[in-house]
């Protein structure tokens, strides 16, 4: 359906998954043997920046922490491109 992760990311940023998935039939899955590959950090942001991030995340129906990771990943990729 999608030609790249970026294309899929753009699609889901503007569409609600409830229009495509019957979440009432979803089953919770625990992957207990996987080790997290993330590291917890503490980050101080101006309240207005955090408020704006939360507004954007709400519009996309995603947690604001997840949206922040997407924004950071996109910018890192952009900055590292030759």
PDB file of N, CA and C in Angstrom:
ATOM      1  N   UNK A   1       0.811  -1.185   0.000  1.00  0.00           N
ATOM      2  CA  UNK A   1       0.000   0.000   0.000  1.00  0.00           C
ATOM      3  C   UNK A   1       0.860   1.257   0.000  1.00  0.00           C
ATOM      4  N   UNK A   2       1.935   1.272   0.795  1.00  0.00           N
ATOM      5  CA  UNK A   2       2.807   2.445   0.870  1.00  0.00           C
ATOM      6  C   UNK A   2       4.148   2.126   0.231  1.00  0.00           C
ATOM      7  N   UNK A   3       4.743   3.130  -0.382  1.00  0.00           N
ATOM      8  CA  UNK A   3       6.043   2.940  -1.025  1.00  0.00           C
ATOM      9  C   UNK A   3       7.208   3.212  -0.092  1.00  0.00           C
ATOM     10  N   UNK A   4       6.949   3.855   1.040  1.00  0.00           N
ATOM     11  CA  UNK A   4       8.012   4.150   1.993  1.00  0.00           C
ATOM     12  C   UNK A   4       7.403   4.403   3.370  1.00  0.00           C
ATOM     13  N   UNK A   5       8.249   4.372   4.388  1.00  0.00           N
ATOM     14  CA  UNK A   5       7.775   4.670   5.733  1.00  0.00           C
ATOM     15  C   UNK A   5       7.312   6.121   5.824  1.00  0.00           C
ATOM     16  N   UNK A   6       8.007   7.011   5.115  1.00  0.00           N
ATOM     17  CA  UNK A   6       7.603   8.420   5.125  1.00  0.00           C
ATOM     18  C   UNK A   6       6.196   8.591   4.568  1.00  0.00           C
ATOM     19  N   UNK A   7       5.901   7.886   3.485  1.00  0.00           N
ATOM     20  CA  UNK A   7       4.571   7.954   2.879  1.00  0.00           C
ATOM     21  C   UNK A   7       3.521   7.433   3.864  1.00  0.00           C
ATOM     22  N   UNK A   8       3.839   6.339   4.538  1.00  0.00           N
ATOM     23  CA  UNK A   8       2.901   5.783   5.512  1.00  0.00           C
ATOM     24  C   UNK A   8       2.723   6.741   6.686  1.00  0.00           C
ATOM     25  N   UNK A   9       3.814   7.321   7.161  1.00  0.00           N
ATOM     26  CA  UNK A   9       3.767   8.263   8.277  1.00  0.00           C
ATOM     27  C   UNK A   9       2.871   9.459   7.928  1.00  0.00           C
ATOM     28  N   UNK A  10       3.023   9.988   6.725  1.00  0.00           N
ATOM     29  CA  UNK A  10       2.196  11.118   6.284  1.00  0.00           C
ATOM     30  C   UNK A  10       0.719  10.725   6.226  1.00  0.00           C
ATOM     31  N   UNK A  11       0.451   9.516   5.742  1.00  0.00           N
ATOM     32  CA  UNK A  11      -0.929   9.043   5.653  1.00  0.00           C
ATOM     33  C   UNK A  11      -1.565   8.992   7.039  1.00  0.00           C
ATOM     34  N   UNK A  12      -0.879   8.343   8.006  1.00  0.00           N
ATOM     35  CA  UNK A  12      -1.459   8.169   9.329  1.00  0.00           C
ATOM     36  C   UNK A  12      -1.513   9.470  10.109  1.00  0.00           C
ATOM     37  N   UNK A  13      -0.699  10.448   9.740  1.00  0.00           N
ATOM     38  CA  UNK A  13      -0.760  11.750  10.400  1.00  0.00           C
ATOM     39  C   UNK A  13      -2.074  12.461  10.070  1.00  0.00           C
ATOM     40  N   UNK A  14      -2.698  12.077   8.962  1.00  0.00           N
ATOM     41  CA  UNK A  14      -3.911  12.759   8.528  1.00  0.00           C
ATOM     42  C   UNK A  14      -5.149  11.864   8.527  1.00  0.00           C
ATOM     43  N   UNK A  15      -5.018  10.605   8.909  1.00  0.00           N
ATOM     44  CA  UNK A  15      -6.155   9.682   8.901  1.00  0.00           C
ATOM     45  C   UNK A  15      -6.291   9.015  10.263  1.00  0.00           C
ATOM     46  N   UNK A  16      -7.494   8.657  10.614  1.00  0.00           N
ATOM     47  CA  UNK A  16      -7.773   7.985  11.877  1.00  0.00           C
ATOM     48  C   UNK A  16      -7.783   6.473  11.632  1.00  0.00           C
ATOM     49  N   UNK A  17      -6.999   5.751  12.407  1.00  0.00           N
ATOM     50  CA  UNK A  17      -6.916   4.299  12.223  1.00  0.00           C
ATOM     51  C   UNK A  17      -8.262   3.614  12.462  1.00  0.00           C
ATOM     52  N   UNK A  18      -9.140   4.237  13.230  1.00  0.00           N
ATOM     53  CA  UNK A  18     -10.452   3.638  13.499  1.00  0.00           C
ATOM     54  C   UNK A  18     -11.283   3.508  12.220  1.00  0.00           C
ATOM     55  N   UNK A  19     -10.939   4.282  11.202  1.00  0.00           N
ATOM     56  CA  UNK A  19     -11.635   4.159   9.923  1.00  0.00           C
ATOM     57  C   UNK A  19     -11.185   2.929   9.140  1.00  0.00           C
ATOM     58  N   UNK A  20     -10.087   2.303   9.562  1.00  0.00           N
ATOM     59  CA  UNK A  20      -9.500   1.184   8.821  1.00  0.00           C
ATOM     60  C   UNK A  20      -9.368  -0.095   9.651  1.00  0.00           C
ATOM     61  N   UNK A  21      -9.427   0.037  10.972  1.00  0.00           N
ATOM     62  CA  UNK A  21      -9.202  -1.111  11.857  1.00  0.00           C
ATOM     63  C   UNK A  21     -10.343  -1.191  12.860  1.00  0.00           C
ATOM     64  N   UNK A  22     -10.861  -2.391  13.083  1.00  0.00           N
ATOM     65  CA  UNK A  22     -11.872  -2.593  14.110  1.00  0.00           C
ATOM     66  C   UNK A  22     -11.143  -2.897  15.413  1.00  0.00           C
ATOM     67  N   UNK A  23     -10.884  -1.839  16.186  1.00  0.00           N
ATOM     68  CA  UNK A  23     -10.089  -1.985  17.401  1.00  0.00           C
ATOM     69  C   UNK A  23     -10.806  -2.795  18.472  1.00  0.00           C
ATOM     70  N   UNK A  24     -12.122  -2.999  18.347  1.00  0.00           N
ATOM     71  CA  UNK A  24     -12.837  -3.809  19.342  1.00  0.00           C
ATOM     72  C   UNK A  24     -12.427  -5.281  19.251  1.00  0.00           C
ATOM     73  N   UNK A  25     -11.859  -5.673  18.114  1.00  0.00           N
ATOM     74  CA  UNK A  25     -11.411  -7.059  17.938  1.00  0.00           C
ATOM     75  C   UNK A  25      -9.915  -7.230  18.216  1.00  0.00           C
ATOM     76  N   UNK A  26      -9.256  -6.144  18.573  1.00  0.00           N
ATOM     77  CA  UNK A  26      -7.808  -6.203  18.830  1.00  0.00           C
ATOM     78  C   UNK A  26      -7.526  -6.962  20.117  1.00  0.00           C
ATOM     79  N   UNK A  27      -6.398  -7.638  20.141  1.00  0.00           N
ATOM     80  CA  UNK A  27      -5.962  -8.356  21.333  1.00  0.00           C
ATOM     81  C   UNK A  27      -4.630  -7.776  21.775  1.00  0.00           C
ATOM     82  N   UNK A  28      -4.483  -7.589  23.091  1.00  0.00           N
ATOM     83  CA  UNK A  28      -3.245  -7.067  23.637  1.00  0.00           C
ATOM     84  C   UNK A  28      -2.160  -8.145  23.523  1.00  0.00           C
ATOM     85  N   UNK A  29      -0.988  -7.734  23.120  1.00  0.00           N
ATOM     86  CA  UNK A  29       0.135  -8.644  22.942  1.00  0.00           C
ATOM     87  C   UNK A  29       1.291  -8.169  23.802  1.00  0.00           C
ATOM     88  N   UNK A  30       1.855  -9.058  24.567  1.00  0.00           N
ATOM     89  CA  UNK A  30       3.006  -8.719  25.388  1.00  0.00           C
ATOM     90  C   UNK A  30       4.229  -9.439  24.835  1.00  0.00           C
ATOM     91  N   UNK A  31       5.237  -8.668  24.505  1.00  0.00           N
ATOM     92  CA  UNK A  31       6.496  -9.228  24.003  1.00  0.00           C
ATOM     93  C   UNK A  31       7.510  -9.161  25.136  1.00  0.00           C
ATOM     94  N   UNK A  32       7.336 -10.045  26.088  1.00  0.00           N
ATOM     95  CA  UNK A  32       8.099  -9.984  27.330  1.00  0.00           C
ATOM     96  C   UNK A  32       9.586 -10.264  27.168  1.00  0.00           C
ATOM     97  N   UNK A  33       9.986 -10.936  26.098  1.00  0.00           N
ATOM     98  CA  UNK A  33      11.397 -11.275  25.939  1.00  0.00           C
ATOM     99  C   UNK A  33      12.192 -10.198  25.206  1.00  0.00           C
ATOM    100  N   UNK A  34      11.505  -9.164  24.739  1.00  0.00           N
ATOM    101  CA  UNK A  34      12.204  -8.084  24.052  1.00  0.00           C
ATOM    102  C   UNK A  34      12.782  -7.114  25.063  1.00  0.00           C
ATOM    103  N   UNK A  35      14.003  -6.704  24.825  1.00  0.00           N
ATOM    104  CA  UNK A  35      14.626  -5.706  25.684  1.00  0.00           C
ATOM    105  C   UNK A  35      14.420  -4.342  25.038  1.00  0.00           C
ATOM    106  N   UNK A  36      14.029  -3.360  25.828  1.00  0.00           N
ATOM    107  CA  UNK A  36      13.823  -2.034  25.238  1.00  0.00           C
ATOM    108  C   UNK A  36      15.125  -1.470  24.681  1.00  0.00           C
ATOM    109  N   UNK A  37      15.020  -0.867  23.519  1.00  0.00           N
ATOM    110  CA  UNK A  37      16.206  -0.287  22.894  1.00  0.00           C
ATOM    111  C   UNK A  37      16.203   1.230  23.049  1.00  0.00           C
ATOM    112  N   UNK A  38      15.436   1.705  24.005  1.00  0.00           N
ATOM    113  CA  UNK A  38      15.359   3.137  24.230  1.00  0.00           C
ATOM    114  C   UNK A  38      16.022   3.493  25.556  1.00  0.00           C
ATOM    115  N   UNK A  39      16.331   4.747  25.676  1.00  0.00           N
ATOM    116  CA  UNK A  39      16.934   5.237  26.910  1.00  0.00           C
ATOM    117  C   UNK A  39      16.100   6.420  27.393  1.00  0.00           C
ATOM    118  N   UNK A  40      15.769   6.416  28.639  1.00  0.00           N
ATOM    119  CA  UNK A  40      14.961   7.489  29.209  1.00  0.00           C
ATOM    120  C   UNK A  40      15.847   8.708  29.441  1.00  0.00           C
ATOM    121  N   UNK A  41      15.329   9.864  29.068  1.00  0.00           N
ATOM    122  CA  UNK A  41      16.046  11.119  29.306  1.00  0.00           C
ATOM    123  C   UNK A  41      15.086  12.117  29.943  1.00  0.00           C
ATOM    124  N   UNK A  42      15.653  13.139  30.496  1.00  0.00           N
ATOM    125  CA  UNK A  42      14.864  14.238  31.027  1.00  0.00           C
ATOM    126  C   UNK A  42      15.117  15.435  30.128  1.00  0.00           C
ATOM    127  N   UNK A  43      14.061  16.109  29.711  1.00  0.00           N
ATOM    128  CA  UNK A  43      14.186  17.206  28.758  1.00  0.00           C
ATOM    129  C   UNK A  43      13.312  18.357  29.226  1.00  0.00           C
ATOM    130  N   UNK A  44      13.910  19.512  29.375  1.00  0.00           N
ATOM    131  CA  UNK A  44      13.151  20.699  29.781  1.00  0.00           C
ATOM    132  C   UNK A  44      12.787  21.500  28.544  1.00  0.00           C
ATOM    133  N   UNK A  45      11.498  21.796  28.410  1.00  0.00           N
ATOM    134  CA  UNK A  45      10.990  22.578  27.281  1.00  0.00           C
ATOM    135  C   UNK A  45      10.179  23.746  27.823  1.00  0.00           C
ATOM    136  N   UNK A  46      10.158  24.848  27.093  1.00  0.00           N
ATOM    137  CA  UNK A  46       9.252  25.937  27.488  1.00  0.00           C
ATOM    138  C   UNK A  46       7.809  25.424  27.450  1.00  0.00           C
ATOM    139  N   UNK A  47       6.996  25.879  28.397  1.00  0.00           N
ATOM    140  CA  UNK A  47       5.604  25.409  28.454  1.00  0.00           C
ATOM    141  C   UNK A  47       4.873  25.637  27.150  1.00  0.00           C
ATOM    142  N   UNK A  48       5.123  26.773  26.507  1.00  0.00           N
ATOM    143  CA  UNK A  48       4.413  27.065  25.257  1.00  0.00           C
ATOM    144  C   UNK A  48       4.777  26.059  24.165  1.00  0.00           C
ATOM    145  N   UNK A  49       6.038  25.612  24.141  1.00  0.00           N
ATOM    146  CA  UNK A  49       6.460  24.624  23.154  1.00  0.00           C
ATOM    147  C   UNK A  49       5.787  23.284  23.430  1.00  0.00           C
ATOM    148  N   UNK A  50       5.743  22.911  24.695  1.00  0.00           N
ATOM    149  CA  UNK A  50       5.096  21.649  25.066  1.00  0.00           C
ATOM    150  C   UNK A  50       3.600  21.708  24.774  1.00  0.00           C
ATOM    151  N   UNK A  51       2.974  22.850  25.050  1.00  0.00           N
ATOM    152  CA  UNK A  51       1.545  23.001  24.750  1.00  0.00           C
ATOM    153  C   UNK A  51       1.287  22.861  23.252  1.00  0.00           C
ATOM    154  N   UNK A  52       2.140  23.494  22.444  1.00  0.00           N
ATOM    155  CA  UNK A  52       1.984  23.379  20.989  1.00  0.00           C
ATOM    156  C   UNK A  52       2.150  21.954  20.511  1.00  0.00           C
ATOM    157  N   UNK A  53       3.125  21.258  21.076  1.00  0.00           N
ATOM    158  CA  UNK A  53       3.357  19.857  20.718  1.00  0.00           C
ATOM    159  C   UNK A  53       2.136  19.007  21.067  1.00  0.00           C
ATOM    160  N   UNK A  54       1.555  19.261  22.223  1.00  0.00           N
ATOM    161  CA  UNK A  54       0.372  18.504  22.645  1.00  0.00           C
ATOM    162  C   UNK A  54      -0.819  18.777  21.732  1.00  0.00           C
ATOM    163  N   UNK A  55      -0.977  20.023  21.276  1.00  0.00           N
ATOM    164  CA  UNK A  55      -2.064  20.354  20.350  1.00  0.00           C
ATOM    165  C   UNK A  55      -1.882  19.592  19.039  1.00  0.00           C
ATOM    166  N   UNK A  56      -0.654  19.609  18.506  1.00  0.00           N
ATOM    167  CA  UNK A  56      -0.375  18.893  17.256  1.00  0.00           C
ATOM    168  C   UNK A  56      -0.602  17.392  17.417  1.00  0.00           C
ATOM    169  N   UNK A  57      -0.153  16.849  18.532  1.00  0.00           N
ATOM    170  CA  UNK A  57      -0.319  15.414  18.787  1.00  0.00           C
ATOM    171  C   UNK A  57      -1.802  15.059  18.880  1.00  0.00           C
ATOM    172  N   UNK A  58      -2.570  15.901  19.547  1.00  0.00           N
ATOM    173  CA  UNK A  58      -4.012  15.644  19.675  1.00  0.00           C
ATOM    174  C   UNK A  58      -4.677  15.632  18.301  1.00  0.00           C
ATOM    175  N   UNK A  59      -4.291  16.555  17.434  1.00  0.00           N
ATOM    176  CA  UNK A  59      -4.857  16.601  16.078  1.00  0.00           C
ATOM    177  C   UNK A  59      -4.563  15.320  15.311  1.00  0.00           C
ATOM    178  N   UNK A  60      -3.404  14.702  15.596  1.00  0.00           N
ATOM    179  CA  UNK A  60      -3.001  13.474  14.900  1.00  0.00           C
ATOM    180  C   UNK A  60      -3.406  12.218  15.666  1.00  0.00           C
ATOM    181  N   UNK A  61      -3.994  12.422  16.854  1.00  0.00           N
ATOM    182  CA  UNK A  61      -4.428  11.311  17.707  1.00  0.00           C
ATOM    183  C   UNK A  61      -3.268  10.385  18.067  1.00  0.00           C
ATOM    184  N   UNK A  62      -2.148  10.993  18.465  1.00  0.00           N
ATOM    185  CA  UNK A  62      -0.977  10.235  18.911  1.00  0.00           C
ATOM    186  C   UNK A  62      -0.473  10.848  20.216  1.00  0.00           C
ATOM    187  N   UNK A  63       0.236  10.086  21.030  1.00  0.00           N
ATOM    188  CA  UNK A  63       0.834  10.667  22.240  1.00  0.00           C
ATOM    189  C   UNK A  63       1.884  11.721  21.858  1.00  0.00           C
ATOM    190  N   UNK A  64       1.965  12.770  22.667  1.00  0.00           N
ATOM    191  CA  UNK A  64       2.904  13.839  22.316  1.00  0.00           C
ATOM    192  C   UNK A  64       4.356  13.377  22.340  1.00  0.00           C
ATOM    193  N   UNK A  65       4.683  12.406  23.194  1.00  0.00           N
ATOM    194  CA  UNK A  65       6.057  11.899  23.220  1.00  0.00           C
ATOM    195  C   UNK A  65       6.394  11.208  21.895  1.00  0.00           C
ATOM    196  N   UNK A  66       5.431  10.479  21.362  1.00  0.00           N
ATOM    197  CA  UNK A  66       5.647   9.799  20.080  1.00  0.00           C
ATOM    198  C   UNK A  66       5.826  10.807  18.954  1.00  0.00           C
ATOM    199  N   UNK A  67       5.022  11.852  18.957  1.00  0.00           N
ATOM    200  CA  UNK A  67       5.153  12.877  17.929  1.00  0.00           C
ATOM    201  C   UNK A  67       6.502  13.580  18.029  1.00  0.00           C
ATOM    202  N   UNK A  68       6.941  13.834  19.247  1.00  0.00           N
ATOM    203  CA  UNK A  68       8.256  14.449  19.444  1.00  0.00           C
ATOM    204  C   UNK A  68       9.357  13.568  18.866  1.00  0.00           C
ATOM    205  N   UNK A  69       9.256  12.255  19.063  1.00  0.00           N
ATOM    206  CA  UNK A  69      10.251  11.331  18.501  1.00  0.00           C
ATOM    207  C   UNK A  69      10.238  11.368  16.980  1.00  0.00           C
ATOM    208  N   UNK A  70       9.043  11.454  16.384  1.00  0.00           N
ATOM    209  CA  UNK A  70       8.938  11.547  14.926  1.00  0.00           C
ATOM    210  C   UNK A  70       9.609  12.828  14.436  1.00  0.00           C
ATOM    211  N   UNK A  71       9.286  13.954  15.092  1.00  0.00           N
ATOM    212  CA  UNK A  71       9.889  15.230  14.700  1.00  0.00           C
ATOM    213  C   UNK A  71      11.410  15.181  14.809  1.00  0.00           C
ATOM    214  N   UNK A  72      11.907  14.624  15.912  1.00  0.00           N
ATOM    215  CA  UNK A  72      13.358  14.530  16.096  1.00  0.00           C
ATOM    216  C   UNK A  72      13.994  13.624  15.044  1.00  0.00           C
ATOM    217  N   UNK A  73      13.367  12.490  14.779  1.00  0.00           N
ATOM    218  CA  UNK A  73      13.912  11.554  13.790  1.00  0.00           C
ATOM    219  C   UNK A  73      13.982  12.195  12.410  1.00  0.00           C
ATOM    220  N   UNK A  74      12.913  12.928  12.040  1.00  0.00           N
ATOM    221  CA  UNK A  74      12.902  13.591  10.734  1.00  0.00           C
ATOM    222  C   UNK A  74      14.008  14.636  10.647  1.00  0.00           C
ATOM    223  N   UNK A  75      14.182  15.410  11.696  1.00  0.00           N
ATOM    224  CA  UNK A  75      15.202  16.471  11.671  1.00  0.00           C
ATOM    225  C   UNK A  75      16.611  15.882  11.676  1.00  0.00           C
ATOM    226  N   UNK A  76      16.823  14.835  12.445  1.00  0.00           N
ATOM    227  CA  UNK A  76      18.133  14.183  12.465  1.00  0.00           C
ATOM    228  C   UNK A  76      18.465  13.644  11.089  1.00  0.00           C
ATOM    229  N   UNK A  77      17.486  12.974  10.473  1.00  0.00           N
ATOM    230  CA  UNK A  77      17.697  12.449   9.118  1.00  0.00           C
ATOM    231  C   UNK A  77      18.033  13.584   8.136  1.00  0.00           C
ATOM    232  N   UNK A  78      17.311  14.673   8.243  1.00  0.00           N
ATOM    233  CA  UNK A  78      17.546  15.830   7.381  1.00  0.00           C
ATOM    234  C   UNK A  78      18.949  16.409   7.598  1.00  0.00           C
ATOM    235  N   UNK A  79      19.353  16.548   8.821  1.00  0.00           N
ATOM    236  CA  UNK A  79      20.656  17.135   9.134  1.00  0.00           C
ATOM    237  C   UNK A  79      21.816  16.222   8.733  1.00  0.00           C
ATOM    238  N   UNK A  80      21.591  14.916   8.754  1.00  0.00           N
ATOM    239  CA  UNK A  80      22.662  13.975   8.428  1.00  0.00           C
ATOM    240  C   UNK A  80      22.802  13.702   6.940  1.00  0.00           C
ATOM    241  N   UNK A  81      21.803  14.125   6.166  1.00  0.00           N
ATOM    242  CA  UNK A  81      21.888  13.954   4.705  1.00  0.00           C
ATOM    243  C   UNK A  81      23.016  14.790   4.133  1.00  0.00           C
ATOM    244  N   UNK A  82      23.762  14.222   3.165  1.00  0.00           N
ATOM    245  CA  UNK A  82      24.862  15.013   2.578  1.00  0.00           C
ATOM    246  C   UNK A  82      24.367  16.187   1.752  1.00  0.00           C
TER     247      UNK A  82
END
